C-alpha atoms as a PDB file:
ATOM      1  CA  MET A   1       4.975 -12.219   5.026  1.00  0.00           C
ATOM      2  CA  THR A   2       7.626 -10.375   7.052  1.00  0.00           C
ATOM      3  CA  ALA A   3       6.402  -7.422   9.162  1.00  0.00           C
ATOM      4  CA  ILE A   4       8.502  -4.289   9.809  1.00  0.00           C
ATOM      5  CA  THR A   5       7.346  -1.586  12.231  1.00  0.00           C
ATOM      6  CA  HIS A   6       7.851   2.071  11.268  1.00  0.00           C
ATOM      7  CA  THR A   7       7.781   5.019  13.670  1.00  0.00           C
ATOM      8  CA  GLY A   8       8.915   7.813  11.330  1.00  0.00           C
ATOM      9  CA  ALA A   9       7.917  11.444  10.926  1.00  0.00           C
ATOM     10  CA  ALA A  10       4.816  12.825   9.199  1.00  0.00           C
ATOM     11  CA  MET A  11       4.670  12.685   5.408  1.00  0.00           C
ATOM     12  CA  ALA A  12       2.906  14.494   2.600  1.00  0.00           C
ATOM     13  CA  SER A  13       0.010  12.613   1.013  1.00  0.00           C
ATOM     14  CA  THR A  14       0.966   9.942  -1.496  1.00  0.00           C
ATOM     15  CA  GLU A  15      -1.163   8.405  -4.244  1.00  0.00           C
ATOM     16  CA  GLY A  16      -1.034   4.930  -5.748  1.00  0.00           C
ATOM     17  CA  GLY A  17      -3.101   2.092  -7.152  1.00  0.00           C
ATOM     18  CA  CYS A  18      -3.214  -1.300  -8.773  1.00  0.00           C
ATOM     19  CA  LEU A  19      -1.328  -2.220 -11.930  1.00  0.00           C
ATOM     20  CA  CYS A  20      -4.384  -1.981 -14.231  1.00  0.00           C
ATOM     21  CA  GLY A  21      -5.369   1.453 -12.827  1.00  0.00           C
ATOM     22  CA  ALA A  22      -8.912   0.444 -11.811  1.00  0.00           C
ATOM     23  CA  ILE A  23      -8.260   1.043  -8.106  1.00  0.00           C
ATOM     24  CA  ARG A  24      -6.611   4.230  -6.807  1.00  0.00           C
ATOM     25  CA  TYR A  25      -5.937   5.480  -3.284  1.00  0.00           C
ATOM     26  CA  ARG A  26      -4.399   8.365  -1.358  1.00  0.00           C
ATOM     27  CA  LEU A  27      -2.349   7.904   1.823  1.00  0.00           C
ATOM     28  CA  ALA A  28      -2.532  10.881   4.169  1.00  0.00           C
ATOM     29  CA  ASP A  29      -0.726   9.273   7.093  1.00  0.00           C
ATOM     30  CA  VAL A  30       2.527   7.412   7.659  1.00  0.00           C
ATOM     31  CA  PRO A  31       2.155   3.627   7.367  1.00  0.00           C
ATOM     32  CA  THR A  32       2.771   1.916  10.711  1.00  0.00           C
ATOM     33  CA  GLU A  33       3.525  -1.618   9.492  1.00  0.00           C
ATOM     34  CA  PHE A  34       5.166  -2.931   6.328  1.00  0.00           C
ATOM     35  CA  GLY A  35       5.160  -6.492   5.067  1.00  0.00           C
ATOM     36  CA  ALA A  36       7.035  -8.183   2.249  1.00  0.00           C
ATOM     37  CA  CYS A  37       5.107 -10.647   0.098  1.00  0.00           C
ATOM     38  CA  HIS A  38       6.880 -13.313  -1.945  1.00  0.00           C
ATOM     39  CA  CYS A  39       3.862 -14.784  -3.791  1.00  0.00           C
ATOM     40  CA  SER A  40       4.144 -15.514  -7.513  1.00  0.00           C
ATOM     41  CA  MET A  41       1.814 -12.607  -8.459  1.00  0.00           C
ATOM     42  CA  CYS A  42       3.946 -10.023  -6.590  1.00  0.00           C
ATOM     43  CA  LEU A  43       7.160 -11.489  -7.991  1.00  0.00           C
ATOM     44  CA  LYS A  44       5.806 -11.407 -11.548  1.00  0.00           C
ATOM     45  CA  SER A  45       4.394  -7.860 -11.359  1.00  0.00           C
ATOM     46  CA  SER A  46       7.417  -6.225  -9.733  1.00  0.00           C
ATOM     47  CA  GLY A  47      10.355  -8.470 -10.521  1.00  0.00           C
ATOM     48  CA  GLY A  48      10.843  -8.857  -6.756  1.00  0.00           C
ATOM     49  CA  VAL A  49       8.923  -8.964  -3.519  1.00  0.00           C
ATOM     50  CA  GLY A  50       5.629  -7.085  -3.081  1.00  0.00           C
ATOM     51  CA  LEU A  51       4.995  -4.611  -0.277  1.00  0.00           C
ATOM     52  CA  ALA A  52       1.909  -4.426   1.927  1.00  0.00           C
ATOM     53  CA  MET A  53       1.320  -1.497   4.292  1.00  0.00           C
ATOM     54  CA  GLU A  54      -0.903  -0.836   7.297  1.00  0.00           C
ATOM     55  CA  VAL A  55      -2.061   2.752   7.892  1.00  0.00           C
ATOM     56  CA  PRO A  56      -3.942   4.229  10.879  1.00  0.00           C
ATOM     57  CA  ASP A  57      -7.753   4.595  10.624  1.00  0.00           C
ATOM     58  CA  GLY A  58      -8.591   7.531   8.374  1.00  0.00           C
ATOM     59  CA  GLY A  59      -5.134   7.520   6.788  1.00  0.00           C
ATOM     60  CA  LEU A  60      -6.300   5.933   3.524  1.00  0.00           C
ATOM     61  CA  THR A  61      -8.852   7.339   1.073  1.00  0.00           C
ATOM     62  CA  TRP A  62     -10.089   5.449  -2.002  1.00  0.00           C
ATOM     63  CA  THR A  63     -10.079   7.803  -4.998  1.00  0.00           C
ATOM     64  CA  ALA A  64     -11.292   5.283  -7.618  1.00  0.00           C
ATOM     65  CA  GLY A  65     -12.630   1.734  -7.767  1.00  0.00           C
ATOM     66  CA  GLU A  66     -13.614   1.226  -4.133  1.00  0.00           C
ATOM     67  CA  GLY A  67     -16.545  -0.930  -5.227  1.00  0.00           C
ATOM     68  CA  ARG A  68     -14.159  -3.327  -6.990  1.00  0.00           C
ATOM     69  CA  ILE A  69     -12.258  -4.265  -3.836  1.00  0.00           C
END
């Protein structure tokens, strides 16, 4: 995985989740690290590399499916 550091400005909250919809989350802070994943599951689901993000403590809220993680 390749890591990229980000030091950008504040952002509005963003929501996302897994492909099946069972897990949902809300980001309320700017991610501080990004990583590209080249595993076969990420390549198959997106047609390219996957993206992993690191957010500061308290910057991520689970809105659905937390018990499934």
